[in-house]
Amino acid sequence: MKLNMRNLMKTTAIAALLLAPGAALAAPLYTIIEIPDLPGGEDQSFAFGINDGGQVVGNSLGDANGDRAFVWNNVDGIMNLNNLLDDPAGWILTSATDINASGQIVGFGFRNGVQRGFLLNPVTAVTPPSSSDVPEPMTLSLLGAGLFGVALARRRK
């Protein structure tokens, strides 16, 4: 068998599957984390957004004071965004709909009784998650398969 580029690619693909069995075919498994409601609420919360740092935003059905926007993380738990405002200036935040890696939060609420959208900018710095320099297992498998194919090609010359 003459080793050409097509045969090398086939060998590399087969080696990748042998080195990482089931990696391309396996469905992910998930764990579930319950996001509680805010204290004094109606035992209902809704999550609408998450960032790479694991911060979740949404709203919690409220008591007589109405719904409240929240941010949740696995260290501090659930926090009412209204209690985290530097200067509330007549705002009542009722729902947070998304959060980015910088910690900016968007949503809607009421300012002086009129419904408005909002953008919250963190006053304290939020450190975005750092990317890891360690390659993922599938990357290492493909690298190994490629090296295996090159070694096989050299050996057959």
N, C-alpha and C. Protein backbone atom coordinates (compact mmCIF):
# COMPACT_ATOMS: atom_id res chain seq x y z
N MET A 1 0.84 -1.19 0.00
CA MET A 1 0.00 0.00 0.00
C MET A 1 0.89 1.24 0.00
N LYS A 2 0.72 2.05 -1.01
CA LYS A 2 1.46 3.30 -1.09
C LYS A 2 0.78 4.32 -0.17
N LEU A 3 1.58 4.97 0.66
CA LEU A 3 1.04 5.91 1.63
C LEU A 3 0.95 7.29 0.98
N ASN A 4 -0.25 7.71 0.68
CA ASN A 4 -0.46 9.05 0.14
C ASN A 4 -1.23 9.87 1.17
N MET A 5 -1.55 11.09 0.83
CA MET A 5 -2.23 11.98 1.78
C MET A 5 -3.58 11.43 2.21
N ARG A 6 -4.33 10.83 1.29
CA ARG A 6 -5.64 10.27 1.62
C ARG A 6 -5.50 9.14 2.65
N ASN A 7 -4.55 8.24 2.44
CA ASN A 7 -4.33 7.14 3.38
C ASN A 7 -3.84 7.67 4.73
N LEU A 8 -2.99 8.69 4.70
CA LEU A 8 -2.50 9.30 5.93
C LEU A 8 -3.66 9.89 6.73
N MET A 9 -4.60 10.55 6.06
CA MET A 9 -5.75 11.14 6.75
C MET A 9 -6.64 10.05 7.34
N LYS A 10 -6.84 8.97 6.60
CA LYS A 10 -7.64 7.85 7.12
C LYS A 10 -6.98 7.26 8.36
N THR A 11 -5.67 7.06 8.29
CA THR A 11 -4.93 6.49 9.42
C THR A 11 -5.02 7.41 10.62
N THR A 12 -4.87 8.70 10.39
CA THR A 12 -4.94 9.68 11.48
C THR A 12 -6.33 9.68 12.12
N ALA A 13 -7.38 9.63 11.31
CA ALA A 13 -8.74 9.63 11.84
C ALA A 13 -9.00 8.37 12.65
N ILE A 14 -8.57 7.22 12.16
CA ILE A 14 -8.77 5.97 12.90
C ILE A 14 -7.99 6.00 14.21
N ALA A 15 -6.76 6.50 14.18
CA ALA A 15 -5.95 6.57 15.39
C ALA A 15 -6.60 7.51 16.41
N ALA A 16 -7.18 8.61 15.95
CA ALA A 16 -7.84 9.55 16.86
C ALA A 16 -9.00 8.88 17.57
N LEU A 17 -9.76 8.07 16.86
CA LEU A 17 -10.89 7.36 17.47
C LEU A 17 -10.41 6.31 18.45
N LEU A 18 -9.29 5.66 18.14
CA LEU A 18 -8.75 4.65 19.05
C LEU A 18 -8.17 5.27 20.31
N LEU A 19 -7.55 6.45 20.17
CA LEU A 19 -6.95 7.11 21.32
C LEU A 19 -7.98 7.76 22.24
N ALA A 20 -9.11 8.15 21.70
CA ALA A 20 -10.16 8.80 22.50
C ALA A 20 -11.48 8.10 22.25
N PRO A 21 -11.64 6.85 22.70
CA PRO A 21 -12.88 6.13 22.41
C PRO A 21 -14.09 6.82 23.01
N GLY A 22 -15.09 7.03 22.17
CA GLY A 22 -16.35 7.61 22.61
C GLY A 22 -16.32 9.11 22.81
N ALA A 23 -15.15 9.75 22.65
CA ALA A 23 -15.07 11.18 22.91
C ALA A 23 -15.97 11.99 21.98
N ALA A 24 -16.05 11.60 20.73
CA ALA A 24 -16.86 12.36 19.78
C ALA A 24 -18.33 11.95 19.83
N LEU A 25 -18.64 10.81 20.44
CA LEU A 25 -19.99 10.29 20.41
C LEU A 25 -20.74 10.47 21.73
N ALA A 26 -20.02 10.75 22.81
CA ALA A 26 -20.65 10.80 24.12
C ALA A 26 -21.43 12.11 24.31
N ALA A 27 -22.65 11.99 24.83
CA ALA A 27 -23.44 13.17 25.18
C ALA A 27 -22.97 13.67 26.54
N PRO A 28 -22.99 14.99 26.76
CA PRO A 28 -22.54 15.49 28.06
C PRO A 28 -23.54 15.13 29.17
N LEU A 29 -23.01 14.99 30.37
CA LEU A 29 -23.85 14.79 31.54
C LEU A 29 -23.89 16.10 32.30
N TYR A 30 -24.98 16.37 32.97
CA TYR A 30 -25.15 17.63 33.68
C TYR A 30 -25.49 17.38 35.14
N THR A 31 -25.06 18.28 35.99
CA THR A 31 -25.54 18.32 37.37
C THR A 31 -26.48 19.52 37.44
N ILE A 32 -27.38 19.49 38.39
CA ILE A 32 -28.34 20.59 38.53
C ILE A 32 -28.10 21.31 39.84
N ILE A 33 -28.15 22.62 39.79
CA ILE A 33 -28.02 23.46 40.98
C ILE A 33 -29.30 24.28 41.07
N GLU A 34 -29.98 24.16 42.18
CA GLU A 34 -31.21 24.92 42.37
C GLU A 34 -30.87 26.35 42.76
N ILE A 35 -31.48 27.30 42.05
CA ILE A 35 -31.34 28.71 42.40
C ILE A 35 -32.54 29.06 43.27
N PRO A 36 -32.31 29.39 44.53
CA PRO A 36 -33.44 29.67 45.42
C PRO A 36 -34.08 31.02 45.11
N ASP A 37 -35.18 31.31 45.78
CA ASP A 37 -35.78 32.63 45.63
C ASP A 37 -35.18 33.54 46.70
N LEU A 38 -35.44 34.82 46.55
CA LEU A 38 -34.98 35.78 47.55
C LEU A 38 -35.78 35.60 48.83
N PRO A 39 -35.18 35.85 49.97
CA PRO A 39 -35.91 35.74 51.24
C PRO A 39 -37.17 36.61 51.23
N GLY A 40 -38.27 36.05 51.71
CA GLY A 40 -39.54 36.77 51.76
C GLY A 40 -40.33 36.71 50.47
N GLY A 41 -39.82 36.00 49.48
CA GLY A 41 -40.50 35.90 48.19
C GLY A 41 -41.54 34.81 48.17
N GLU A 42 -42.02 34.49 47.00
CA GLU A 42 -43.09 33.51 46.82
C GLU A 42 -42.57 32.13 46.41
N ASP A 43 -41.33 31.79 46.79
CA ASP A 43 -40.73 30.49 46.49
C ASP A 43 -40.64 30.21 45.00
N GLN A 44 -40.43 31.23 44.20
CA GLN A 44 -40.25 31.04 42.76
C GLN A 44 -39.14 31.97 42.28
N SER A 45 -38.23 31.39 41.50
CA SER A 45 -37.18 32.19 40.88
C SER A 45 -36.99 31.72 39.45
N PHE A 46 -36.53 32.62 38.61
CA PHE A 46 -36.31 32.33 37.20
C PHE A 46 -34.91 32.79 36.81
N ALA A 47 -34.11 31.90 36.26
CA ALA A 47 -32.77 32.24 35.80
C ALA A 47 -32.82 32.54 34.31
N PHE A 48 -32.22 33.66 33.90
CA PHE A 48 -32.26 34.08 32.50
C PHE A 48 -30.90 34.16 31.84
N GLY A 49 -29.84 34.32 32.59
CA GLY A 49 -28.52 34.47 31.98
C GLY A 49 -27.42 33.96 32.88
N ILE A 50 -26.31 33.56 32.25
CA ILE A 50 -25.14 33.09 32.99
C ILE A 50 -23.90 33.54 32.23
N ASN A 51 -22.84 33.84 32.96
CA ASN A 51 -21.58 34.18 32.31
C ASN A 51 -20.56 33.07 32.53
N ASP A 52 -19.37 33.24 31.97
CA ASP A 52 -18.34 32.20 32.06
C ASP A 52 -17.84 32.01 33.49
N GLY A 53 -18.07 32.97 34.36
CA GLY A 53 -17.67 32.85 35.75
C GLY A 53 -18.70 32.12 36.61
N GLY A 54 -19.81 31.70 36.01
CA GLY A 54 -20.84 30.98 36.75
C GLY A 54 -21.83 31.87 37.48
N GLN A 55 -21.80 33.18 37.22
CA GLN A 55 -22.77 34.08 37.83
C GLN A 55 -24.07 33.97 37.04
N VAL A 56 -25.17 33.83 37.77
CA VAL A 56 -26.49 33.67 37.16
C VAL A 56 -27.34 34.88 37.53
N VAL A 57 -28.14 35.36 36.57
CA VAL A 57 -29.06 36.47 36.84
C VAL A 57 -30.47 36.05 36.47
N GLY A 58 -31.44 36.71 37.09
CA GLY A 58 -32.83 36.42 36.81
C GLY A 58 -33.73 37.26 37.68
N ASN A 59 -34.93 36.72 37.97
CA ASN A 59 -35.82 37.43 38.89
C ASN A 59 -36.47 36.45 39.84
N SER A 60 -36.82 36.98 40.98
CA SER A 60 -37.48 36.21 42.03
C SER A 60 -38.84 36.86 42.26
N LEU A 61 -39.89 36.01 42.24
CA LEU A 61 -41.22 36.55 42.50
C LEU A 61 -41.26 37.05 43.93
N GLY A 62 -41.70 38.27 44.06
CA GLY A 62 -41.62 38.92 45.36
C GLY A 62 -42.85 38.78 46.21
N ASP A 63 -42.78 39.46 47.32
CA ASP A 63 -43.90 39.54 48.24
C ASP A 63 -44.74 40.75 47.84
N ALA A 64 -45.24 41.48 48.79
CA ALA A 64 -46.06 42.66 48.50
C ALA A 64 -45.27 43.73 47.75
N ASN A 65 -43.94 43.67 47.82
CA ASN A 65 -43.10 44.66 47.14
C ASN A 65 -42.86 44.33 45.67
N GLY A 66 -43.34 43.19 45.19
CA GLY A 66 -43.19 42.83 43.78
C GLY A 66 -41.94 42.01 43.49
N ASP A 67 -41.73 41.74 42.21
CA ASP A 67 -40.58 40.95 41.76
C ASP A 67 -39.29 41.73 41.97
N ARG A 68 -38.19 40.97 42.13
CA ARG A 68 -36.90 41.60 42.32
C ARG A 68 -35.85 40.89 41.47
N ALA A 69 -34.96 41.67 40.86
CA ALA A 69 -33.85 41.13 40.07
C ALA A 69 -32.79 40.58 41.03
N PHE A 70 -32.13 39.49 40.60
CA PHE A 70 -31.08 38.92 41.45
C PHE A 70 -29.86 38.54 40.63
N VAL A 71 -28.75 38.38 41.35
CA VAL A 71 -27.54 37.75 40.83
C VAL A 71 -27.20 36.65 41.83
N TRP A 72 -26.74 35.52 41.31
CA TRP A 72 -26.41 34.37 42.15
C TRP A 72 -25.03 33.85 41.74
N ASN A 73 -24.26 33.41 42.73
CA ASN A 73 -23.03 32.67 42.46
C ASN A 73 -22.88 31.61 43.54
N ASN A 74 -22.00 30.65 43.31
CA ASN A 74 -21.90 29.53 44.24
C ASN A 74 -21.16 29.87 45.52
N VAL A 75 -20.63 31.08 45.65
CA VAL A 75 -19.96 31.49 46.88
C VAL A 75 -20.90 32.30 47.77
N ASP A 76 -21.52 33.34 47.19
CA ASP A 76 -22.37 34.25 47.97
C ASP A 76 -23.84 33.87 47.95
N GLY A 77 -24.24 32.98 47.05
CA GLY A 77 -25.65 32.62 46.94
C GLY A 77 -26.43 33.68 46.19
N ILE A 78 -27.73 33.77 46.48
CA ILE A 78 -28.60 34.71 45.78
C ILE A 78 -28.56 36.08 46.46
N MET A 79 -28.48 37.14 45.63
CA MET A 79 -28.42 38.50 46.16
C MET A 79 -29.37 39.39 45.38
N ASN A 80 -30.15 40.17 46.09
CA ASN A 80 -31.07 41.13 45.51
C ASN A 80 -30.24 42.26 44.89
N LEU A 81 -30.37 42.46 43.58
CA LEU A 81 -29.59 43.52 42.93
C LEU A 81 -29.93 44.91 43.45
N ASN A 82 -31.13 45.10 43.94
CA ASN A 82 -31.51 46.40 44.50
C ASN A 82 -30.66 46.75 45.71
N ASN A 83 -30.20 45.74 46.43
CA ASN A 83 -29.36 45.97 47.61
C ASN A 83 -27.89 46.18 47.24
N LEU A 84 -27.55 45.99 45.98
CA LEU A 84 -26.16 46.13 45.54
C LEU A 84 -25.91 47.40 44.75
N LEU A 85 -26.94 48.23 44.59
CA LEU A 85 -26.80 49.46 43.82
C LEU A 85 -26.00 50.50 44.58
N ASP A 86 -25.06 51.14 43.90
CA ASP A 86 -24.25 52.21 44.48
C ASP A 86 -25.12 53.43 44.77
N ASP A 87 -26.02 53.75 43.82
CA ASP A 87 -26.93 54.89 43.96
C ASP A 87 -28.28 54.51 43.33
N PRO A 88 -29.26 54.06 44.13
CA PRO A 88 -30.53 53.58 43.57
C PRO A 88 -31.31 54.63 42.77
N ALA A 89 -31.26 55.90 43.12
CA ALA A 89 -31.88 57.01 42.39
C ALA A 89 -33.29 56.70 41.87
N GLY A 90 -34.15 56.16 42.72
CA GLY A 90 -35.54 55.91 42.35
C GLY A 90 -35.77 54.61 41.59
N TRP A 91 -34.77 53.77 41.44
CA TRP A 91 -34.88 52.50 40.70
C TRP A 91 -35.40 51.37 41.57
N ILE A 92 -36.22 50.52 40.98
CA ILE A 92 -36.59 49.22 41.53
C ILE A 92 -36.33 48.22 40.41
N LEU A 93 -35.30 47.40 40.55
CA LEU A 93 -34.93 46.44 39.52
C LEU A 93 -35.76 45.18 39.70
N THR A 94 -36.53 44.83 38.68
CA THR A 94 -37.44 43.69 38.81
C THR A 94 -36.96 42.43 38.11
N SER A 95 -36.14 42.55 37.06
CA SER A 95 -35.66 41.37 36.36
C SER A 95 -34.32 41.65 35.70
N ALA A 96 -33.36 40.75 35.92
CA ALA A 96 -32.06 40.80 35.24
C ALA A 96 -32.08 39.72 34.18
N THR A 97 -31.76 40.08 32.95
CA THR A 97 -31.91 39.12 31.85
C THR A 97 -30.61 38.57 31.30
N ASP A 98 -29.47 39.23 31.56
CA ASP A 98 -28.20 38.70 31.07
C ASP A 98 -27.04 39.33 31.83
N ILE A 99 -25.90 38.63 31.81
CA ILE A 99 -24.67 39.10 32.46
C ILE A 99 -23.50 38.69 31.58
N ASN A 100 -22.52 39.58 31.42
CA ASN A 100 -21.36 39.24 30.60
C ASN A 100 -20.15 38.91 31.47
N ALA A 101 -19.03 38.59 30.84
CA ALA A 101 -17.83 38.19 31.57
C ALA A 101 -17.27 39.31 32.44
N SER A 102 -17.57 40.55 32.10
CA SER A 102 -17.11 41.69 32.90
C SER A 102 -18.03 41.98 34.08
N GLY A 103 -19.13 41.24 34.19
CA GLY A 103 -20.08 41.45 35.29
C GLY A 103 -21.15 42.48 35.00
N GLN A 104 -21.20 43.01 33.77
CA GLN A 104 -22.26 43.95 33.43
C GLN A 104 -23.57 43.18 33.31
N ILE A 105 -24.63 43.76 33.86
CA ILE A 105 -25.93 43.11 33.90
C ILE A 105 -26.96 44.00 33.20
N VAL A 106 -27.80 43.38 32.36
CA VAL A 106 -28.90 44.10 31.74
C VAL A 106 -30.21 43.49 32.21
N GLY A 107 -31.25 44.31 32.17
CA GLY A 107 -32.57 43.84 32.57
C GLY A 107 -33.56 44.98 32.51
N PHE A 108 -34.61 44.86 33.31
CA PHE A 108 -35.60 45.93 33.34
C PHE A 108 -36.14 46.08 34.75
N GLY A 109 -36.73 47.24 34.97
CA GLY A 109 -37.29 47.58 36.27
C GLY A 109 -38.07 48.87 36.15
N PHE A 110 -38.23 49.54 37.26
CA PHE A 110 -38.98 50.79 37.29
C PHE A 110 -38.11 51.89 37.86
N ARG A 111 -38.14 53.05 37.20
CA ARG A 111 -37.49 54.23 37.74
C ARG A 111 -38.55 55.29 37.93
N ASN A 112 -38.76 55.66 39.17
CA ASN A 112 -39.80 56.61 39.53
C ASN A 112 -41.15 56.20 38.97
N GLY A 113 -41.45 54.90 39.03
CA GLY A 113 -42.75 54.37 38.63
C GLY A 113 -42.91 54.09 37.14
N VAL A 114 -41.90 54.37 36.32
CA VAL A 114 -41.97 54.14 34.87
C VAL A 114 -41.04 52.98 34.52
N GLN A 115 -41.58 52.00 33.77
CA GLN A 115 -40.76 50.85 33.42
C GLN A 115 -39.66 51.24 32.43
N ARG A 116 -38.44 50.80 32.75
CA ARG A 116 -37.26 51.12 31.94
C ARG A 116 -36.32 49.92 31.90
N GLY A 117 -35.50 49.87 30.86
CA GLY A 117 -34.40 48.91 30.81
C GLY A 117 -33.22 49.48 31.58
N PHE A 118 -32.32 48.62 32.01
CA PHE A 118 -31.13 49.10 32.70
C PHE A 118 -29.89 48.32 32.28
N LEU A 119 -28.74 48.96 32.47
CA LEU A 119 -27.43 48.35 32.34
C LEU A 119 -26.68 48.66 33.63
N LEU A 120 -26.28 47.63 34.34
CA LEU A 120 -25.50 47.81 35.56
C LEU A 120 -24.03 47.58 35.24
N ASN A 121 -23.20 48.54 35.64
CA ASN A 121 -21.76 48.41 35.50
C ASN A 121 -21.16 48.19 36.88
N PRO A 122 -20.35 47.16 37.06
CA PRO A 122 -19.76 46.91 38.38
C PRO A 122 -18.88 48.07 38.82
N VAL A 123 -19.06 48.51 40.05
CA VAL A 123 -18.21 49.56 40.61
C VAL A 123 -16.88 48.94 41.02
N THR A 124 -16.94 47.74 41.57
CA THR A 124 -15.72 47.00 41.90
C THR A 124 -15.40 46.09 40.72
N ALA A 125 -14.13 45.91 40.48
CA ALA A 125 -13.70 45.12 39.32
C ALA A 125 -14.11 43.66 39.46
N VAL A 126 -14.59 43.11 38.36
CA VAL A 126 -14.89 41.68 38.28
C VAL A 126 -13.83 41.08 37.39
N THR A 127 -13.11 40.09 37.90
CA THR A 127 -12.06 39.45 37.11
C THR A 127 -12.67 38.37 36.25
N PRO A 128 -12.60 38.52 34.92
CA PRO A 128 -13.14 37.47 34.04
C PRO A 128 -12.35 36.18 34.23
N PRO A 129 -12.99 35.04 34.00
CA PRO A 129 -12.27 33.78 34.16
C PRO A 129 -11.11 33.71 33.16
N SER A 130 -9.97 33.20 33.62
CA SER A 130 -8.82 33.10 32.74
C SER A 130 -8.90 31.82 31.93
N SER A 131 -8.39 31.89 30.72
CA SER A 131 -8.37 30.68 29.90
C SER A 131 -7.21 29.82 30.35
N SER A 132 -7.42 28.55 30.33
CA SER A 132 -6.39 27.62 30.78
C SER A 132 -5.41 27.36 29.65
N ASP A 133 -4.15 27.22 30.02
CA ASP A 133 -3.13 26.91 29.02
C ASP A 133 -3.02 25.41 28.78
N VAL A 134 -3.78 24.61 29.51
CA VAL A 134 -3.73 23.17 29.35
C VAL A 134 -4.70 22.77 28.25
N PRO A 135 -4.22 22.05 27.22
CA PRO A 135 -5.12 21.65 26.14
C PRO A 135 -6.17 20.65 26.62
N GLU A 136 -7.31 20.66 25.96
CA GLU A 136 -8.37 19.72 26.30
C GLU A 136 -7.98 18.32 25.84
N PRO A 137 -8.55 17.26 26.45
CA PRO A 137 -8.18 15.89 26.10
C PRO A 137 -8.33 15.57 24.62
N MET A 138 -9.37 16.08 23.97
CA MET A 138 -9.56 15.78 22.55
C MET A 138 -8.44 16.39 21.72
N THR A 139 -7.97 17.57 22.12
CA THR A 139 -6.86 18.21 21.42
C THR A 139 -5.61 17.34 21.50
N LEU A 140 -5.35 16.82 22.71
CA LEU A 140 -4.19 15.95 22.88
C LEU A 140 -4.34 14.67 22.07
N SER A 141 -5.54 14.13 22.00
CA SER A 141 -5.79 12.91 21.22
C SER A 141 -5.52 13.15 19.75
N LEU A 142 -5.99 14.28 19.24
CA LEU A 142 -5.77 14.59 17.82
C LEU A 142 -4.29 14.83 17.54
N LEU A 143 -3.59 15.48 18.45
CA LEU A 143 -2.16 15.69 18.29
C LEU A 143 -1.45 14.34 18.26
N GLY A 144 -1.81 13.45 19.19
CA GLY A 144 -1.21 12.13 19.23
C GLY A 144 -1.49 11.34 17.96
N ALA A 145 -2.71 11.46 17.45
CA ALA A 145 -3.07 10.75 16.23
C ALA A 145 -2.28 11.28 15.05
N GLY A 146 -2.09 12.58 15.00
CA GLY A 146 -1.30 13.17 13.91
C GLY A 146 0.15 12.72 13.96
N LEU A 147 0.74 12.72 15.16
CA LEU A 147 2.12 12.26 15.31
C LEU A 147 2.24 10.79 14.95
N PHE A 148 1.25 10.00 15.32
CA PHE A 148 1.23 8.58 14.98
C PHE A 148 1.21 8.41 13.46
N GLY A 149 0.39 9.20 12.78
CA GLY A 149 0.29 9.13 11.32
C GLY A 149 1.59 9.53 10.65
N VAL A 150 2.25 10.57 11.16
CA VAL A 150 3.53 11.01 10.59
C VAL A 150 4.59 9.94 10.80
N ALA A 151 4.64 9.35 11.99
CA ALA A 151 5.62 8.30 12.27
C ALA A 151 5.38 7.10 11.36
N LEU A 152 4.13 6.75 11.17
CA LEU A 152 3.79 5.63 10.29
C LEU A 152 4.20 5.93 8.85
N ALA A 153 4.00 7.16 8.42
CA ALA A 153 4.37 7.56 7.05
C ALA A 153 5.87 7.49 6.85
N ARG A 154 6.65 7.91 7.83
CA ARG A 154 8.11 7.88 7.73
C ARG A 154 8.62 6.44 7.73
N ARG A 155 7.98 5.62 8.52
CA ARG A 155 8.42 4.23 8.64
C ARG A 155 8.21 3.47 7.34
N ARG A 156 7.16 3.78 6.60
CA ARG A 156 6.82 3.04 5.39
C ARG A 156 7.58 3.53 4.16
N LYS A 157 8.34 4.59 4.28
CA LYS A 157 9.09 5.11 3.12
C LYS A 157 10.24 4.21 2.77
